[in-house]
Amino acid sequence: MNTKPQKNNSKTFSIEVMPRTAKKIDNFKRILPDKTTVYVAHLEDTPIEEMFSTCKRLISEGMVPMPHIPARIIPNVGKLEDWVKEYASLGVEQSLLLAGNRKNPSGELFNSIQMLESGIFEKYSFKKIQIAGHPEGNPDIDKDGSLEKTINALKIKQEFARKTKLQIGITTQFCFDLQPVIKWLEILEREKIDLPISLGLAGPTKLQTLIKYAIMCGVGPSISVLKKRAKDLTKLLLPFEPTEIVNALDSNKKNKIFQNIDSLHFFPLGGIEASASFARNINSPV
């Protein structure tokens, strides 16, 4: 089996940065193709002004910013509108909506459907909204380890998608084993959820770093894959790359349950430049 992905200039991918990590890149044109979608993560301690300035800079360097908007750090709908209005004035036309990691909401907003139903994104002419997908579950939502509540949330959002002109899609948490993804896709097919999917992958990084993030983010079932890899000392010394899952996607692309995966999204856990280099040189199945 080929273990090296081959170059393909027709690939579609996005990548994620934080304002503080974006500052380490002298020019995004140097490492990313023109018009690459760059998600801008909004952590609770990140001032909104840094989010605005990062998006403005990305546009000036030929990228397409997609800022995260986490509901639970926003005090009210009025503040949400202030943010969206400012993003729109900069030229931002899309966003990833999240509940956010904060346990207790700072105000009246606590999930992404509330933000969608506010009508604010249509008001300011946003074109595209991404929502979160969790192939391996979300322990903050489904405390019993099931997928029930996360799947129900996707069904509600799909119903909303049918009533709006916004393009709505799913961006998943990062994964490194295809089996939980396949099971999740089978559930989506059974529940008739057919929103386009951007599949999250962890970019090249040290295996120890990846295990740490996997535990923090609740990526459960496939942690065993990483632990098995960690037992092989030769692999432990090498950076983890998502080559196997990319190749597995490629070999399964004719399977109809994969038909809604239309792009790959990279979480640069080992650095933006390493992930950008890998993404540019993969033989993308989408």
Protein backbone atom coordinates (compact mmCIF):
# COMPACT_ATOMS: atom_id res chain seq x y z
CA MET A 1 0.00 0.00 0.00
CA ASN A 2 1.25 3.48 -0.84
CA THR A 3 2.07 5.30 2.40
CA LYS A 4 2.96 8.62 0.80
CA PRO A 5 0.20 10.89 -0.47
CA GLN A 6 0.97 12.24 -3.93
CA LYS A 7 0.67 15.80 -5.18
CA ASN A 8 -2.61 16.98 -6.61
CA ASN A 9 -3.17 20.64 -7.39
CA SER A 10 -6.98 20.27 -7.44
CA LYS A 11 -7.33 19.55 -3.73
CA THR A 12 -9.66 21.50 -1.47
CA PHE A 13 -8.63 22.23 2.10
CA SER A 14 -8.89 24.79 4.86
CA ILE A 15 -6.68 25.42 7.87
CA GLU A 16 -7.04 26.95 11.32
CA VAL A 17 -5.04 29.64 13.11
CA MET A 18 -5.27 31.67 16.28
CA PRO A 19 -4.51 35.40 16.25
CA ARG A 20 -1.34 34.83 18.27
CA THR A 21 -0.08 32.05 15.98
CA ALA A 22 -0.98 34.03 12.87
CA LYS A 23 1.51 36.68 14.01
CA LYS A 24 4.32 34.15 13.50
CA ILE A 25 3.61 33.98 9.76
CA ASP A 26 5.22 36.78 7.76
CA ASN A 27 2.82 36.40 4.83
CA PHE A 28 0.15 33.75 4.32
CA LYS A 29 0.64 33.92 0.55
CA ARG A 30 4.00 32.26 1.11
CA ILE A 31 2.52 29.09 2.61
CA LEU A 32 -1.07 28.83 1.32
CA PRO A 33 -2.73 28.90 -2.11
CA ASP A 34 -4.69 32.02 -2.98
CA LYS A 35 -8.23 32.09 -1.55
CA THR A 36 -7.58 29.35 1.02
CA THR A 37 -10.22 29.39 3.75
CA VAL A 38 -8.52 30.13 7.07
CA TYR A 39 -10.54 29.55 10.23
CA VAL A 40 -9.65 31.98 13.02
CA ALA A 41 -10.11 30.36 16.43
CA HIS A 42 -11.63 32.60 19.09
CA LEU A 43 -10.51 31.52 22.55
CA GLU A 44 -12.20 33.04 25.57
CA ASP A 45 -9.18 35.18 26.46
CA THR A 46 -8.71 36.52 22.92
CA PRO A 47 -9.78 40.17 22.59
CA ILE A 48 -12.30 40.64 19.78
CA GLU A 49 -10.07 43.38 18.32
CA GLU A 50 -7.40 40.72 17.64
CA MET A 51 -9.99 38.62 15.82
CA PHE A 52 -10.94 41.60 13.65
CA SER A 53 -7.34 42.53 12.85
CA THR A 54 -6.41 38.92 11.99
CA CYS A 55 -9.36 38.63 9.58
CA LYS A 56 -8.50 41.98 8.01
CA ARG A 57 -4.90 40.88 7.49
CA LEU A 58 -5.91 37.52 5.98
CA ILE A 59 -8.11 39.28 3.42
CA SER A 60 -5.27 41.64 2.52
CA GLU A 61 -3.03 38.61 1.90
CA GLY A 62 -5.50 36.88 -0.39
CA MET A 63 -7.04 34.45 2.08
CA VAL A 64 -10.71 33.88 3.01
CA PRO A 65 -11.15 34.22 6.78
CA MET A 66 -13.74 32.22 8.68
CA PRO A 67 -13.80 33.46 12.30
CA HIS A 68 -15.13 31.25 15.06
CA ILE A 69 -18.06 32.76 16.96
CA PRO A 70 -18.55 30.96 20.31
CA ALA A 71 -22.01 31.65 21.75
CA ARG A 72 -21.14 31.29 25.44
CA ILE A 73 -18.63 34.15 25.54
CA ILE A 74 -21.14 36.65 24.06
CA PRO A 75 -23.28 38.50 26.63
CA ASN A 76 -26.31 39.16 24.41
CA VAL A 77 -27.74 39.30 20.89
CA GLY A 78 -26.84 42.99 20.63
CA LYS A 79 -23.16 42.22 21.14
CA LEU A 80 -23.39 39.39 18.61
CA GLU A 81 -24.76 41.86 16.08
CA ASP A 82 -21.93 44.31 16.85
CA TRP A 83 -19.38 41.58 16.09
CA VAL A 84 -21.08 40.38 12.92
CA LYS A 85 -21.53 43.96 11.67
CA GLU A 86 -17.81 44.66 12.17
CA TYR A 87 -16.77 41.40 10.51
CA ALA A 88 -19.02 42.25 7.54
CA SER A 89 -17.50 45.73 7.26
CA LEU A 90 -14.06 44.09 6.90
CA GLY A 91 -15.28 41.84 4.09
CA VAL A 92 -15.88 38.65 6.10
CA GLU A 93 -18.72 36.60 4.60
CA GLN A 94 -18.58 33.34 6.56
CA SER A 95 -18.14 32.01 10.07
CA LEU A 96 -17.96 28.86 12.17
CA LEU A 97 -20.61 28.98 14.90
CA LEU A 98 -19.93 27.12 18.14
CA ALA A 99 -21.39 26.79 21.59
CA GLY A 100 -17.87 27.23 22.96
CA ASN A 101 -15.92 25.54 25.74
CA ARG A 102 -17.16 27.76 28.53
CA LYS A 103 -19.29 25.74 30.98
CA ASN A 104 -21.51 28.64 32.00
CA PRO A 105 -22.73 31.11 29.35
CA SER A 106 -21.82 34.73 29.99
CA GLY A 107 -25.32 35.80 28.95
CA GLU A 108 -28.40 34.73 27.02
CA LEU A 109 -26.63 32.82 24.26
CA PHE A 110 -25.48 29.26 24.77
CA ASN A 111 -25.61 27.45 21.41
CA SER A 112 -25.19 27.97 17.68
CA ILE A 113 -28.85 27.51 16.73
CA GLN A 114 -29.74 30.60 18.79
CA MET A 115 -27.23 32.60 16.78
CA LEU A 116 -28.55 31.21 13.49
CA GLU A 117 -32.16 31.97 14.40
CA SER A 118 -31.29 35.57 15.33
CA GLY A 119 -31.29 36.44 11.61
CA ILE A 120 -28.19 38.57 12.09
CA PHE A 121 -26.03 36.70 9.57
CA GLU A 122 -28.57 37.16 6.77
CA LYS A 123 -28.96 40.81 7.78
CA TYR A 124 -25.26 41.45 7.17
CA SER A 125 -25.12 39.40 3.96
CA PHE A 126 -23.06 36.47 5.20
CA LYS A 127 -22.97 33.74 2.58
CA LYS A 128 -21.76 30.68 4.45
CA ILE A 129 -22.02 29.28 7.99
CA GLN A 130 -20.25 26.20 9.32
CA ILE A 131 -21.43 24.29 12.39
CA ALA A 132 -19.54 21.75 14.48
CA GLY A 133 -19.66 18.00 13.92
CA HIS A 134 -18.43 15.38 16.38
CA PRO A 135 -17.87 11.94 14.81
CA GLU A 136 -16.62 10.60 18.14
CA GLY A 137 -19.16 12.43 20.29
CA ASN A 138 -18.89 15.41 22.58
CA PRO A 139 -18.59 14.58 26.30
CA ASP A 140 -19.90 18.04 27.23
CA ILE A 141 -23.15 17.34 25.33
CA ASP A 142 -23.62 13.57 25.40
CA LYS A 143 -22.32 12.71 28.84
CA ASP A 144 -23.32 9.04 28.38
CA GLY A 145 -20.87 8.68 25.51
CA SER A 146 -23.57 8.37 22.87
CA LEU A 147 -24.11 10.58 19.81
CA GLU A 148 -27.80 11.19 20.47
CA LYS A 149 -27.82 14.88 21.38
CA THR A 150 -25.16 15.92 18.87
CA ILE A 151 -27.06 14.17 16.07
CA ASN A 152 -30.34 15.76 17.17
CA ALA A 153 -28.63 19.17 17.10
CA LEU A 154 -27.51 18.55 13.52
CA LYS A 155 -31.07 17.62 12.55
CA ILE A 156 -32.35 20.92 13.97
CA LYS A 157 -29.70 22.86 12.09
CA GLN A 158 -30.46 21.05 8.86
CA GLU A 159 -34.12 22.05 9.24
CA PHE A 160 -32.94 25.64 9.64
CA ALA A 161 -30.72 25.29 6.56
CA ARG A 162 -33.76 24.44 4.46
CA LYS A 163 -35.38 27.75 5.42
CA THR A 164 -32.47 30.09 4.77
CA LYS A 165 -30.38 31.33 1.86
CA LEU A 166 -27.23 30.76 3.91
CA GLN A 167 -24.97 27.91 2.82
CA ILE A 168 -24.69 25.75 5.92
CA GLY A 169 -22.13 22.99 6.33
CA ILE A 170 -20.46 20.88 9.01
CA THR A 171 -16.83 21.10 10.11
CA THR A 172 -15.81 18.15 12.26
CA GLN A 173 -13.50 17.80 15.22
CA PHE A 174 -10.14 16.35 14.16
CA CYS A 175 -9.92 12.60 13.72
CA PHE A 176 -7.15 10.11 12.97
CA ASP A 177 -9.10 6.88 12.51
CA LEU A 178 -11.65 6.36 9.76
CA GLN A 179 -13.81 3.79 11.56
CA PRO A 180 -15.59 6.21 13.97
CA VAL A 181 -16.07 8.56 11.00
CA ILE A 182 -17.69 5.80 8.95
CA LYS A 183 -20.10 4.96 11.80
CA TRP A 184 -20.98 8.65 12.15
CA LEU A 185 -21.53 9.04 8.40
CA GLU A 186 -23.81 6.00 8.44
CA ILE A 187 -25.89 7.63 11.19
CA LEU A 188 -26.10 10.87 9.17
CA GLU A 189 -27.27 8.91 6.13
CA ARG A 190 -29.88 7.06 8.20
CA GLU A 191 -31.12 10.34 9.70
CA LYS A 192 -31.13 11.98 6.25
CA ILE A 193 -28.62 14.65 7.28
CA ASP A 194 -26.93 15.66 4.04
CA LEU A 195 -25.18 18.94 4.84
CA PRO A 196 -21.75 19.27 3.17
CA ILE A 197 -18.91 18.15 5.44
CA SER A 198 -15.42 19.50 5.96
CA LEU A 199 -13.58 16.64 7.64
CA GLY A 200 -11.17 17.73 10.38
CA LEU A 201 -7.68 16.25 10.46
CA ALA A 202 -4.78 16.84 12.82
CA GLY A 203 -1.82 18.22 10.90
CA PRO A 204 1.71 16.84 11.35
CA THR A 205 2.77 16.92 14.98
CA LYS A 206 4.57 14.94 17.67
CA LEU A 207 2.60 11.90 18.75
CA GLN A 208 2.75 12.97 22.40
CA THR A 209 1.25 16.36 21.47
CA LEU A 210 -1.53 14.70 19.51
CA ILE A 211 -2.46 12.39 22.38
CA LYS A 212 -2.61 15.40 24.71
CA TYR A 213 -4.95 17.32 22.42
CA ALA A 214 -7.07 14.22 21.75
CA ILE A 215 -7.70 13.77 25.47
CA MET A 216 -8.42 17.51 25.95
CA CYS A 217 -10.90 17.55 23.04
CA GLY A 218 -12.73 14.35 23.92
CA VAL A 219 -11.65 12.41 20.85
CA GLY A 220 -12.29 9.07 22.48
CA PRO A 221 -12.65 5.91 20.39
CA SER A 222 -9.65 6.49 18.15
CA ILE A 223 -7.22 7.36 20.97
CA SER A 224 -6.51 3.60 21.03
CA VAL A 225 -5.03 3.99 17.53
CA LEU A 226 -2.58 6.57 18.85
CA LYS A 227 -1.70 4.50 21.92
CA LYS A 228 -1.00 1.49 19.72
CA ARG A 229 1.25 3.63 17.55
CA ALA A 230 3.02 4.98 20.66
CA LYS A 231 4.08 1.45 21.63
CA ASP A 232 6.24 1.34 18.51
CA LEU A 233 9.32 3.33 19.51
CA THR A 234 10.29 3.94 15.87
CA LYS A 235 6.94 5.63 15.26
CA LEU A 236 7.05 7.46 18.57
CA LEU A 237 10.15 9.33 17.41
CA LEU A 238 8.58 10.37 14.09
CA PRO A 239 6.00 13.15 13.63
CA PHE A 240 2.43 11.94 13.22
CA GLU A 241 0.99 12.72 9.80
CA PRO A 242 -2.63 12.04 8.75
CA THR A 243 -1.46 10.17 5.64
CA GLU A 244 -3.22 6.91 6.48
CA ILE A 245 -6.65 8.47 6.88
CA VAL A 246 -6.21 10.57 3.71
CA ASN A 247 -5.30 7.44 1.76
CA ALA A 248 -8.18 5.53 3.36
CA LEU A 249 -10.56 8.28 2.29
CA ASP A 250 -9.14 8.09 -1.20
CA SER A 251 -9.65 4.31 -1.41
CA ASN A 252 -13.22 4.65 -0.11
CA LYS A 253 -14.30 7.70 -2.13
CA LYS A 254 -16.72 5.64 -4.25
CA ASN A 255 -18.63 4.63 -1.11
CA LYS A 256 -21.83 6.70 -1.15
CA ILE A 257 -21.66 7.55 2.55
CA PHE A 258 -18.61 9.72 1.79
CA GLN A 259 -20.36 11.74 -0.89
CA ASN A 260 -21.03 14.74 1.39
CA ILE A 261 -17.36 15.17 2.41
CA ASP A 262 -16.35 18.04 0.15
CA SER A 263 -13.16 19.30 1.79
CA LEU A 264 -10.53 18.65 4.44
CA HIS A 265 -9.87 20.97 7.37
CA PHE A 266 -6.48 20.93 9.10
CA PHE A 267 -5.89 21.64 12.78
CA PRO A 268 -2.20 22.72 12.87
CA LEU A 269 -1.33 21.17 16.22
CA GLY A 270 2.31 20.93 15.21
CA GLY A 271 2.50 24.38 13.62
CA ILE A 272 0.84 26.19 10.72
CA GLU A 273 3.70 25.81 8.25
CA ALA A 274 3.96 22.02 8.73
CA SER A 275 0.21 21.57 8.22
CA ALA A 276 0.14 23.93 5.24
CA SER A 277 2.98 22.03 3.58
CA PHE A 278 1.27 18.67 4.13
CA ALA A 279 -2.09 19.98 2.88
CA ARG A 280 -0.56 21.45 -0.28
CA ASN A 281 1.06 18.14 -1.18
CA ILE A 282 -1.64 15.58 -0.49
CA ASN A 283 -3.49 13.54 -3.04
CA SER A 284 -6.86 14.83 -1.87
CA PRO A 285 -9.90 12.56 -2.18
CA VAL A 286 -12.23 15.58 -2.24
